[in-house]
Amino acid sequence: MTGLQPPNIAPTSAAQIVTNAFVTANWTNGLTFLLNRPLFIANATATQTVTTGGSGVPVLFDTEVTDTYNGHSTTSNTSRYVGQAPGWYRVSGSIPWSANTSGSRKVWVAVNGVQVAGSVGQIGPAPASELVVVVVPSTMVQLNGTTDYVEIWVQQDSGSSLTVNPNGSNQSGINIIWEHL
């Protein structure tokens, strides 16, 4: 959304006249923003194959639950949520993996394709008959408005390809909300 900005209450001076335009531009728009912060919640309903080893791949999110300012596309770069206002965003999620008794599964948050320190969730092998869900630790990331994007990446080293979103009842999910400047 062009012009989306967090509150910025301009300082007033004794000589400044507070007009309706001043209030709208500086207070009303800021309060409207705070009451409707950028929020993105999505799921990945399609199975995604992840090869063993390698440096990881971003999870593709194809179903939006909510996207208050259209920071995500379900047709282009579907792994990305593009920041809609400058500030700090809270990112969390969970990724279900198909069952496999060897290796580990890892998930992390990335900004502009770079792993965010402290955002890694990892688990070892699961029982052969059970899928395993790896939680993405709640992570704060700073975005500079529409020039930065957030993704959840995954990697595994089981020795064979595994899938995320192995069935419709356990879908990968991502939650992102603007917190503060």
Protein backbone atom coordinates (compact mmCIF):
# COMPACT_ATOMS: atom_id res chain seq x y z
CA MET A 1 0.00 0.00 0.00
CA THR A 2 1.60 3.24 -1.10
CA GLY A 3 2.10 5.73 1.69
CA LEU A 4 1.47 3.27 4.54
CA GLN A 5 3.36 4.66 7.48
CA PRO A 6 3.43 4.07 11.21
CA PRO A 7 2.35 6.98 13.41
CA ASN A 8 4.52 10.08 13.17
CA ILE A 9 3.16 12.80 15.36
CA ALA A 10 4.79 15.97 14.07
CA PRO A 11 6.00 18.36 16.75
CA THR A 12 3.96 21.52 17.13
CA SER A 13 5.24 24.94 17.98
CA ALA A 14 3.45 27.70 19.82
CA ALA A 15 3.02 29.57 16.52
CA GLN A 16 1.71 26.58 14.56
CA ILE A 17 -2.02 26.45 13.92
CA VAL A 18 -3.44 22.95 14.29
CA THR A 19 -5.68 22.53 11.28
CA ASN A 20 -7.94 19.66 10.29
CA ALA A 21 -5.42 18.71 7.59
CA PHE A 22 -2.63 18.61 10.19
CA VAL A 23 -4.66 16.38 12.51
CA THR A 24 -5.64 14.03 9.66
CA ALA A 25 -2.10 13.77 8.32
CA ASN A 26 -0.39 13.32 11.66
CA TRP A 27 -2.81 11.83 14.15
CA THR A 28 -5.77 10.21 12.41
CA ASN A 29 -3.64 8.29 9.89
CA GLY A 30 -1.30 7.16 12.67
CA LEU A 31 -4.15 5.93 14.85
CA THR A 32 -5.74 4.17 11.89
CA PHE A 33 -2.44 2.40 11.26
CA LEU A 34 -2.14 1.29 14.89
CA LEU A 35 -5.68 -0.09 14.86
CA ASN A 36 -5.01 -2.02 11.64
CA ARG A 37 -1.33 -2.99 11.70
CA PRO A 38 0.12 -5.06 8.86
CA LEU A 39 -0.84 -8.67 9.53
CA PHE A 40 -0.17 -11.73 7.39
CA ILE A 41 -1.29 -15.29 8.10
CA ALA A 42 -0.95 -17.99 5.46
CA ASN A 43 -0.79 -21.75 4.96
CA ALA A 44 0.93 -24.00 2.47
CA THR A 45 -1.58 -26.62 1.36
CA ALA A 46 0.44 -28.22 -1.45
CA THR A 47 3.10 -30.85 -0.77
CA GLN A 48 6.61 -29.49 -1.32
CA THR A 49 9.56 -31.85 -1.84
CA VAL A 50 12.83 -31.00 -0.09
CA THR A 51 15.94 -32.86 -1.24
CA THR A 52 18.42 -34.11 1.34
CA GLY A 53 21.39 -31.92 2.22
CA GLY A 54 21.92 -28.62 0.51
CA SER A 55 21.52 -25.12 1.87
CA GLY A 56 17.74 -25.17 2.18
CA VAL A 57 14.72 -23.85 0.29
CA PRO A 58 11.96 -21.37 1.11
CA VAL A 59 8.48 -22.73 1.89
CA LEU A 60 5.81 -21.79 -0.67
CA PHE A 61 2.61 -20.39 0.88
CA ASP A 62 -0.41 -20.73 -1.42
CA THR A 63 -3.38 -19.93 0.85
CA GLU A 64 -3.83 -16.62 2.64
CA VAL A 65 -5.91 -16.46 5.81
CA THR A 66 -5.40 -12.70 6.05
CA ASP A 67 -3.10 -10.14 4.47
CA THR A 68 -4.17 -6.67 5.59
CA TYR A 69 -1.99 -4.70 3.15
CA ASN A 70 -1.29 -7.18 0.33
CA GLY A 71 2.33 -7.93 1.20
CA HIS A 72 2.08 -11.47 -0.25
CA SER A 73 1.20 -12.91 -3.64
CA THR A 74 -0.24 -16.38 -4.23
CA THR A 75 0.98 -16.30 -7.86
CA SER A 76 4.50 -14.81 -7.79
CA ASN A 77 7.29 -15.31 -5.20
CA THR A 78 4.79 -17.17 -3.01
CA SER A 79 7.37 -17.80 -0.29
CA ARG A 80 7.75 -14.07 0.42
CA TYR A 81 5.96 -11.57 2.58
CA VAL A 82 7.09 -8.06 1.64
CA GLY A 83 7.10 -5.51 4.47
CA GLN A 84 4.40 -2.90 4.03
CA ALA A 85 5.73 -0.31 6.48
CA PRO A 86 9.13 0.20 8.06
CA GLY A 87 9.55 -1.31 11.51
CA TRP A 88 9.91 -4.48 13.53
CA TYR A 89 7.78 -7.50 12.64
CA ARG A 90 7.15 -10.64 14.70
CA VAL A 91 7.44 -13.84 12.63
CA SER A 92 6.41 -17.34 13.70
CA GLY A 93 5.21 -20.55 12.08
CA SER A 94 5.29 -24.32 11.96
CA ILE A 95 6.32 -26.81 9.31
CA PRO A 96 5.14 -30.46 9.22
CA TRP A 97 7.53 -33.01 7.67
CA SER A 98 6.86 -36.49 6.39
CA ALA A 99 7.95 -39.38 8.63
CA ASN A 100 11.51 -40.63 8.32
CA THR A 101 13.76 -42.29 10.90
CA SER A 102 17.06 -40.68 9.96
CA GLY A 103 18.66 -37.26 9.86
CA SER A 104 17.28 -33.97 11.13
CA ARG A 105 14.80 -31.33 9.98
CA LYS A 106 15.56 -27.63 10.30
CA VAL A 107 13.50 -24.46 9.80
CA TRP A 108 14.48 -20.79 10.05
CA VAL A 109 13.40 -17.25 9.28
CA ALA A 110 15.21 -15.37 6.51
CA VAL A 111 15.13 -11.69 5.56
CA ASN A 112 16.01 -11.05 1.91
CA GLY A 113 17.24 -14.66 1.70
CA VAL A 114 19.62 -14.37 4.68
CA GLN A 115 19.08 -16.47 7.81
CA VAL A 116 18.12 -14.45 10.90
CA ALA A 117 20.26 -15.28 13.93
CA GLY A 118 18.34 -17.07 16.67
CA SER A 119 15.48 -18.11 14.40
CA VAL A 120 16.36 -21.78 13.88
CA GLY A 121 14.11 -24.63 14.95
CA GLN A 122 15.50 -28.15 14.58
CA ILE A 123 14.45 -31.68 15.43
CA GLY A 124 15.99 -35.10 14.92
CA PRO A 125 14.42 -38.14 13.25
CA ALA A 126 10.76 -39.00 13.81
CA PRO A 127 9.24 -42.43 14.34
CA ALA A 128 8.73 -44.18 10.99
CA SER A 129 4.95 -43.89 11.08
CA GLU A 130 4.58 -40.32 12.34
CA LEU A 131 5.08 -36.95 10.73
CA VAL A 132 6.98 -34.39 12.77
CA VAL A 133 6.17 -30.68 13.09
CA VAL A 134 9.05 -28.26 13.55
CA VAL A 135 8.12 -24.93 15.13
CA VAL A 136 9.67 -21.72 13.87
CA PRO A 137 10.76 -19.82 17.00
CA SER A 138 8.97 -16.48 17.36
CA THR A 139 11.47 -14.03 15.90
CA MET A 140 11.61 -10.25 15.59
CA VAL A 141 12.92 -8.91 12.26
CA GLN A 142 13.42 -5.34 11.09
CA LEU A 143 12.12 -4.47 7.63
CA ASN A 144 12.60 -1.24 5.71
CA GLY A 145 9.13 -1.07 4.21
CA THR A 146 8.60 -2.51 0.75
CA THR A 147 12.29 -3.16 0.01
CA ASP A 148 12.61 -6.13 2.41
CA TYR A 149 10.90 -9.51 2.52
CA VAL A 150 10.56 -12.38 5.01
CA GLU A 151 10.50 -16.14 4.32
CA ILE A 152 10.60 -19.41 6.23
CA TRP A 153 13.30 -21.75 4.94
CA VAL A 154 13.66 -25.50 5.47
CA GLN A 155 16.48 -28.02 5.18
CA GLN A 156 16.83 -31.72 5.96
CA ASP A 157 19.53 -34.38 5.86
CA SER A 158 17.68 -37.71 6.02
CA GLY A 159 19.53 -39.22 3.06
CA SER A 160 16.47 -39.04 0.78
CA SER A 161 13.90 -36.46 -0.33
CA LEU A 162 11.20 -35.59 2.21
CA THR A 163 8.07 -33.51 1.92
CA VAL A 164 6.66 -30.66 3.93
CA ASN A 165 2.85 -30.47 4.13
CA PRO A 166 2.52 -34.25 3.72
CA ASN A 167 -1.25 -34.18 4.20
CA GLY A 168 -4.09 -31.69 4.21
CA SER A 169 -4.72 -31.72 7.96
CA ASN A 170 -1.21 -30.57 8.89
CA GLN A 171 -0.28 -27.56 6.82
CA SER A 172 2.74 -25.32 7.04
CA GLY A 173 1.83 -21.96 8.50
CA ILE A 174 3.36 -18.52 8.83
CA ASN A 175 2.26 -15.58 10.97
CA ILE A 176 3.69 -12.07 10.63
CA ILE A 177 2.59 -8.90 12.38
CA TRP A 178 4.05 -5.39 12.55
CA GLU A 179 5.03 -4.67 16.18
CA HIS A 180 6.74 -1.27 16.39
CA LEU A 181 9.22 1.14 14.83
